[in-house]
């Protein structure tokens, strides 16, 4: 087990390096940089900068240097624990990420709980009543929700709960995990991935039900509940657990639209602000941190396998 964990951790390091290089290269090749954004903002205020002044501003930010020089400087700061400084207000990036992490983490955890305690039971029910109206309703309804993009689902949900049903006020900022806006937000970012959990759980259950040991358990007189709980669900949930680990990254990008609409100060909103202002260090920091968290959570998911199937062992 120790050797397996060590190898996985060693693999994470070059993967993060390649991820950062790709994101950095995309920012470097982009047609617009932070100075262009500043120039437009200054022009709106009636301040117009000459080309010499703009060049000097790029030089002060290090944007005039070759790619590998900029990338090397960023890596050097990163190895010292520095995620850089904002090009807009010169504030350090890492404190902002730490402040935004609890919000996005709470949303992801809430969405995960919804998928575990709603998606998996619905998948089991759909498999138990295979090819019935209940099965068709569960699978068809989940696929319908899955087909709606998040950027459409968010405003439609707000109009429904705020304007039509009048069940809540317009979300204005983060009010904690016990507020209705948090529950609604976690439900929204879980809906699209909920369909995958339902389908995978249903498919896994139906496949396991065909095995001989299930028929033997029934022949011994076990109740249907015990058969499903002890012999079917545990073996069918391994691919579902795998997908839950991979869905964490999907939560991040769905939360961009959600946090902007709900005005939540999470990583998604931070990333959106970085993209809007071409604040490269902000973009690199959020992307790198998100990639690292995704890889770490997938490692944790792999370590959960032996709890579901004792036959799985990491030598």
Protein backbone atom coordinates (compact mmCIF):
# COMPACT_ATOMS: atom_id res chain seq x y z
CA UNK A 1 0.00 0.00 0.00
CA UNK A 2 2.78 2.44 0.92
CA UNK A 3 4.58 1.75 -2.36
CA UNK A 4 1.38 2.29 -4.34
CA UNK A 5 0.66 5.61 -2.62
CA UNK A 6 4.25 6.76 -3.16
CA UNK A 7 4.08 5.95 -6.87
CA UNK A 8 0.78 7.78 -7.25
CA UNK A 9 2.13 10.85 -5.49
CA UNK A 10 5.21 10.82 -7.72
CA UNK A 11 2.97 10.67 -10.80
CA UNK A 12 0.99 13.70 -9.57
CA UNK A 13 4.09 15.95 -9.70
CA UNK A 14 4.85 15.69 -13.47
CA UNK A 15 1.12 15.75 -14.24
CA UNK A 16 0.73 19.04 -12.40
CA UNK A 17 3.81 20.35 -14.20
CA UNK A 18 2.33 19.54 -17.63
CA UNK A 19 -1.04 20.98 -16.62
CA UNK A 20 0.58 24.23 -15.53
CA UNK A 21 2.68 24.43 -18.68
CA UNK A 22 -0.36 24.00 -20.93
CA UNK A 23 -2.39 26.62 -19.06
CA UNK A 24 0.60 28.98 -19.01
CA UNK A 25 1.14 28.52 -22.75
CA UNK A 26 -2.51 29.29 -23.50
CA UNK A 27 -2.23 32.50 -21.51
CA UNK A 28 1.02 33.43 -23.23
CA UNK A 29 -0.43 32.88 -26.72
CA UNK A 30 -3.65 34.75 -25.97
CA UNK A 31 -4.31 37.87 -28.08
CA UNK A 32 -5.09 40.04 -25.03
CA UNK A 33 -3.06 40.60 -21.87
CA UNK A 34 -3.78 42.45 -18.60
CA UNK A 35 -2.32 45.67 -19.97
CA UNK A 36 -4.93 45.70 -22.78
CA UNK A 37 -7.65 45.30 -20.14
CA UNK A 38 -6.18 48.16 -18.12
CA UNK A 39 -5.95 50.35 -21.21
CA UNK A 40 -9.66 49.84 -21.90
CA UNK A 41 -10.50 50.65 -18.27
CA UNK A 42 -8.34 53.74 -18.32
CA UNK A 43 -9.91 54.87 -21.61
CA UNK A 44 -13.37 54.69 -20.02
CA UNK A 45 -12.10 57.05 -17.32
CA UNK A 46 -10.70 59.45 -19.93
CA UNK A 47 -7.06 58.43 -19.42
CA UNK A 48 -5.26 57.45 -22.61
CA UNK A 49 -1.83 55.83 -22.54
CA UNK A 50 0.76 56.02 -25.27
CA UNK A 51 2.34 52.94 -26.80
CA UNK A 52 5.55 53.70 -24.92
CA UNK A 53 3.70 53.82 -21.62
CA UNK A 54 1.91 50.56 -22.41
CA UNK A 55 5.21 48.91 -23.31
CA UNK A 56 6.70 50.11 -20.04
CA UNK A 57 3.72 48.67 -18.15
CA UNK A 58 4.23 45.29 -19.86
CA UNK A 59 7.91 45.44 -19.04
CA UNK A 60 7.19 46.09 -15.35
CA UNK A 61 4.89 43.06 -15.25
CA UNK A 62 7.37 40.86 -17.10
CA UNK A 63 4.96 40.27 -19.99
CA UNK A 64 7.55 41.23 -22.60
CA UNK A 65 9.84 38.31 -21.79
CA UNK A 66 9.97 34.99 -23.73
CA UNK A 67 7.72 32.12 -22.70
CA UNK A 68 10.31 29.98 -20.92
CA UNK A 69 11.65 32.97 -18.99
CA UNK A 70 8.17 33.83 -17.72
CA UNK A 71 7.38 30.18 -17.01
CA UNK A 72 10.66 29.65 -15.19
CA UNK A 73 10.09 32.72 -13.03
CA UNK A 74 6.60 31.51 -12.12
CA UNK A 75 7.91 28.04 -11.25
CA UNK A 76 10.62 29.58 -9.08
CA UNK A 77 8.02 31.54 -7.10
CA UNK A 78 5.82 28.45 -6.90
CA UNK A 79 8.62 26.36 -5.39
CA UNK A 80 8.89 29.04 -2.69
CA UNK A 81 5.19 28.66 -1.90
CA UNK A 82 4.17 31.82 -3.78
CA UNK A 83 1.25 31.72 -6.23
CA UNK A 84 2.09 35.15 -7.57
CA UNK A 85 0.33 38.49 -7.34
CA UNK A 86 -2.71 39.88 -9.06
CA UNK A 87 -1.95 42.02 -12.09
CA UNK A 88 -4.96 44.17 -11.26
CA UNK A 89 -4.42 45.21 -7.63
CA UNK A 90 -1.04 43.55 -6.79
CA UNK A 91 -2.67 41.48 -4.01
CA UNK A 92 -1.23 37.98 -3.37
CA UNK A 93 -3.16 35.12 -5.00
CA UNK A 94 -2.84 32.41 -2.34
CA UNK A 95 -4.88 34.19 0.41
CA UNK A 96 -7.72 34.62 -2.06
CA UNK A 97 -7.65 30.93 -2.96
CA UNK A 98 -7.67 29.97 0.73
CA UNK A 99 -10.62 32.27 1.35
CA UNK A 100 -12.58 30.91 -1.63
CA UNK A 101 -11.82 27.23 -0.98
CA UNK A 102 -14.33 26.64 1.87
CA UNK A 103 -17.18 27.96 -0.28
CA UNK A 104 -16.41 25.77 -3.30
CA UNK A 105 -15.55 22.84 -1.04
CA UNK A 106 -18.89 23.10 0.75
CA UNK A 107 -20.75 23.23 -2.57
CA UNK A 108 -18.85 20.21 -3.91
CA UNK A 109 -19.43 18.26 -0.69
CA UNK A 110 -23.14 19.13 -0.73
CA UNK A 111 -23.42 18.02 -4.36
CA UNK A 112 -21.54 14.80 -3.55
CA UNK A 113 -23.91 14.02 -0.67
CA UNK A 114 -26.91 14.59 -2.93
CA UNK A 115 -25.52 12.16 -5.49
CA UNK A 116 -24.67 9.53 -2.85
CA UNK A 117 -27.91 9.69 -0.88
CA UNK A 118 -30.25 10.37 -3.81
CA UNK A 119 -28.51 9.19 -6.99
CA UNK A 120 -27.39 5.76 -5.73
CA UNK A 121 -30.78 4.87 -4.14
CA UNK A 122 -32.59 5.97 -7.30
CA UNK A 123 -30.27 3.78 -9.38
CA UNK A 124 -30.95 0.82 -7.09
CA UNK A 125 -34.71 1.40 -7.29
CA UNK A 126 -34.55 1.66 -11.10
CA UNK A 127 -32.66 -1.64 -11.28
CA UNK A 128 -34.96 -3.34 -8.78
CA UNK A 129 -38.01 -2.37 -10.88
CA UNK A 130 -36.28 -2.94 -14.20
CA UNK A 131 -38.37 -2.23 -17.34
CA UNK A 132 -41.28 -0.81 -15.37
CA UNK A 133 -42.80 2.65 -15.48
CA UNK A 134 -40.86 3.61 -12.38
CA UNK A 135 -37.62 2.60 -14.05
CA UNK A 136 -38.46 4.58 -17.18
CA UNK A 137 -39.47 7.62 -15.11
CA UNK A 138 -36.23 7.66 -13.09
CA UNK A 139 -33.89 7.12 -16.04
CA UNK A 140 -35.83 9.36 -18.41
CA UNK A 141 -36.11 12.18 -15.87
CA UNK A 142 -32.41 12.06 -15.07
CA UNK A 143 -31.46 12.12 -18.74
CA UNK A 144 -33.77 15.10 -19.31
CA UNK A 145 -32.04 17.05 -16.56
CA UNK A 146 -28.61 15.94 -17.83
CA UNK A 147 -29.39 17.41 -21.26
CA UNK A 148 -29.84 20.93 -19.83
CA UNK A 149 -26.56 22.92 -19.69
CA UNK A 150 -25.66 24.51 -16.36
CA UNK A 151 -25.71 28.02 -17.82
CA UNK A 152 -29.36 27.42 -18.74
CA UNK A 153 -30.29 25.49 -15.60
CA UNK A 154 -29.09 28.24 -13.22
CA UNK A 155 -31.29 31.12 -14.51
CA UNK A 156 -34.29 28.84 -15.05
CA UNK A 157 -34.01 27.55 -11.49
CA UNK A 158 -33.71 31.09 -10.11
CA UNK A 159 -36.76 32.24 -12.03
CA UNK A 160 -38.72 29.23 -10.77
CA UNK A 161 -37.84 29.51 -7.07
CA UNK A 162 -37.61 33.32 -6.82
CA UNK A 163 -40.24 34.66 -9.23
CA UNK A 164 -42.81 31.92 -9.79
CA UNK A 165 -42.87 29.97 -6.52
CA UNK A 166 -41.60 32.86 -4.33
CA UNK A 167 -39.82 30.40 -2.03
CA UNK A 168 -36.65 32.46 -1.61
CA UNK A 169 -35.13 35.85 -2.30
CA UNK A 170 -32.55 36.54 -4.99
CA UNK A 171 -29.25 35.03 -3.73
CA UNK A 172 -26.85 37.81 -2.78
CA UNK A 173 -23.59 36.44 -1.46
CA UNK A 174 -22.58 33.55 0.77
CA UNK A 175 -24.81 33.01 3.82
CA UNK A 176 -23.56 29.63 5.02
CA UNK A 177 -24.45 25.99 4.44
CA UNK A 178 -27.79 26.21 6.24
CA UNK A 179 -29.19 28.83 3.88
CA UNK A 180 -31.63 27.90 1.10
CA UNK A 181 -29.30 29.35 -1.55
CA UNK A 182 -26.59 26.82 -0.61
CA UNK A 183 -28.96 23.85 -0.81
CA UNK A 184 -30.28 25.06 -4.16
CA UNK A 185 -26.76 25.70 -5.47
CA UNK A 186 -25.50 22.26 -4.44
CA UNK A 187 -28.55 20.66 -6.05
CA UNK A 188 -27.98 22.52 -9.32
CA UNK A 189 -24.34 21.47 -9.77
CA UNK A 190 -25.23 17.88 -8.85
CA UNK A 191 -28.14 17.47 -11.28
CA UNK A 192 -26.15 16.86 -14.46
CA UNK A 193 -23.80 14.34 -12.85
CA UNK A 194 -26.72 12.77 -10.97
CA UNK A 195 -27.87 11.14 -14.21
CA UNK A 196 -24.48 9.42 -14.61
CA UNK A 197 -24.62 8.08 -11.06
CA UNK A 198 -28.15 6.75 -11.56
CA UNK A 199 -27.29 5.06 -14.83
CA UNK A 200 -24.03 3.54 -13.57
CA UNK A 201 -25.66 2.30 -10.37
CA UNK A 202 -28.57 0.82 -12.31
CA UNK A 203 -26.26 -0.87 -14.84
CA UNK A 204 -23.98 -2.25 -12.12
CA UNK A 205 -26.90 -3.63 -10.12
CA UNK A 206 -28.42 -5.32 -13.16
CA UNK A 207 -25.07 -6.91 -14.03
CA UNK A 208 -24.46 -8.22 -10.52
CA UNK A 209 -28.00 -9.61 -10.25
CA UNK A 210 -27.13 -12.13 -12.97
CA UNK A 211 -24.36 -13.75 -10.89
CA UNK A 212 -24.75 -17.18 -9.32
CA UNK A 213 -24.00 -16.05 -5.77
CA UNK A 214 -27.05 -13.77 -5.85
CA UNK A 215 -29.31 -16.67 -6.75
CA UNK A 216 -27.64 -18.75 -4.03
CA UNK A 217 -28.29 -16.02 -1.45
CA UNK A 218 -31.95 -15.93 -2.41
CA UNK A 219 -32.16 -19.72 -2.29
CA UNK A 220 -30.85 -19.64 1.28
CA UNK A 221 -33.89 -17.58 2.26
CA UNK A 222 -32.33 -14.13 2.65
CA UNK A 223 -34.73 -11.25 2.30
CA UNK A 224 -34.50 -9.10 -0.82
CA UNK A 225 -33.18 -6.19 1.25
CA UNK A 226 -30.28 -8.25 2.63
CA UNK A 227 -29.51 -9.65 -0.82
CA UNK A 228 -29.32 -6.12 -2.26
CA UNK A 229 -27.37 -4.69 0.68
CA UNK A 230 -24.83 -7.47 1.30
CA UNK A 231 -24.29 -9.12 -2.06
CA UNK A 232 -25.41 -6.75 -4.83
CA UNK A 233 -24.89 -3.09 -3.93
CA UNK A 234 -21.38 -3.49 -2.52
CA UNK A 235 -20.07 -5.15 -5.69
CA UNK A 236 -21.96 -2.86 -8.03
CA UNK A 237 -20.75 0.41 -6.50
CA UNK A 238 -17.06 0.18 -7.48
CA UNK A 239 -17.49 1.90 -10.89
CA UNK A 240 -19.82 4.43 -9.24
CA UNK A 241 -17.15 5.33 -6.68
CA UNK A 242 -14.69 5.80 -9.57
CA UNK A 243 -17.03 8.21 -11.31
CA UNK A 244 -17.60 10.19 -8.11
CA UNK A 245 -13.88 10.96 -7.95
CA UNK A 246 -13.83 12.12 -11.56
CA UNK A 247 -16.88 14.33 -11.04
CA UNK A 248 -15.09 16.65 -8.62
CA UNK A 249 -13.43 18.48 -11.50
CA UNK A 250 -16.81 18.79 -13.24
CA UNK A 251 -18.22 20.47 -10.12
CA UNK A 252 -15.52 23.12 -10.37
CA UNK A 253 -16.38 24.23 -13.88
CA UNK A 254 -20.12 24.07 -13.26
CA UNK A 255 -19.64 26.22 -10.17
CA UNK A 256 -18.27 29.05 -12.36
CA UNK A 257 -21.78 29.80 -13.68
CA UNK A 258 -23.41 29.09 -10.33
CA UNK A 259 -21.12 31.26 -8.22
CA UNK A 260 -21.40 34.18 -10.64
CA UNK A 261 -25.22 33.98 -10.64
CA UNK A 262 -25.49 33.45 -6.86
CA UNK A 263 -22.59 35.83 -6.07
CA UNK A 264 -20.77 33.14 -4.08
CA UNK A 265 -17.11 34.04 -3.37
CA UNK A 266 -15.76 30.62 -4.39
CA UNK A 267 -13.03 29.34 -6.71
CA UNK A 268 -15.37 29.42 -9.71
CA UNK A 269 -16.04 33.12 -9.29
CA UNK A 270 -12.35 33.73 -8.66
CA UNK A 271 -11.51 31.96 -11.92
CA UNK A 272 -14.17 33.95 -13.79
CA UNK A 273 -12.74 37.21 -12.47
CA UNK A 274 -9.27 36.15 -13.57
CA UNK A 275 -10.49 35.32 -17.07
CA UNK A 276 -12.41 38.58 -17.41
CA UNK A 277 -9.46 40.74 -16.40
CA UNK A 278 -6.80 38.46 -17.96
CA UNK A 279 -5.24 38.21 -14.51
CA UNK A 280 -2.87 35.39 -15.50
CA UNK A 281 -1.47 34.58 -12.05
CA UNK A 282 -5.03 34.23 -10.75
CA UNK A 283 -5.93 31.85 -13.60
CA UNK A 284 -2.77 29.78 -13.14
CA UNK A 285 -3.21 29.55 -9.38
CA UNK A 286 -6.85 28.42 -9.47
CA UNK A 287 -6.25 25.96 -12.33
CA UNK A 288 -3.19 24.44 -10.62
CA UNK A 289 -4.89 24.17 -7.24
CA UNK A 290 -8.01 22.60 -8.77
CA UNK A 291 -5.95 20.08 -10.73
CA UNK A 292 -4.04 19.12 -7.59
CA UNK A 293 -7.23 18.67 -5.57
CA UNK A 294 -8.77 16.53 -8.33
CA UNK A 295 -5.75 14.21 -8.42
CA UNK A 296 -5.65 13.95 -4.63
CA UNK A 297 -9.35 13.08 -4.42
CA UNK A 298 -8.96 10.43 -7.11
CA UNK A 299 -6.13 8.91 -5.07
CA UNK A 300 -8.45 8.80 -2.04
CA UNK A 301 -11.12 7.13 -4.17
CA UNK A 302 -8.63 4.45 -5.22
CA UNK A 303 -7.85 3.78 -1.56
CA UNK A 304 -11.55 3.26 -0.84
CA UNK A 305 -11.73 0.31 -3.27
CA UNK A 306 -10.54 -2.32 -0.77
CA UNK A 307 -13.37 -1.31 1.58
CA UNK A 308 -15.90 -2.20 -1.11
CA UNK A 309 -14.16 -5.26 -2.49
CA UNK A 310 -11.65 -7.10 -0.25
CA UNK A 311 -10.26 -8.80 -3.35
CA UNK A 312 -8.71 -5.48 -4.40
CA UNK A 313 -5.24 -5.14 -2.91
CA UNK A 314 -2.41 -2.71 -3.65
CA UNK A 315 0.97 -4.41 -3.38
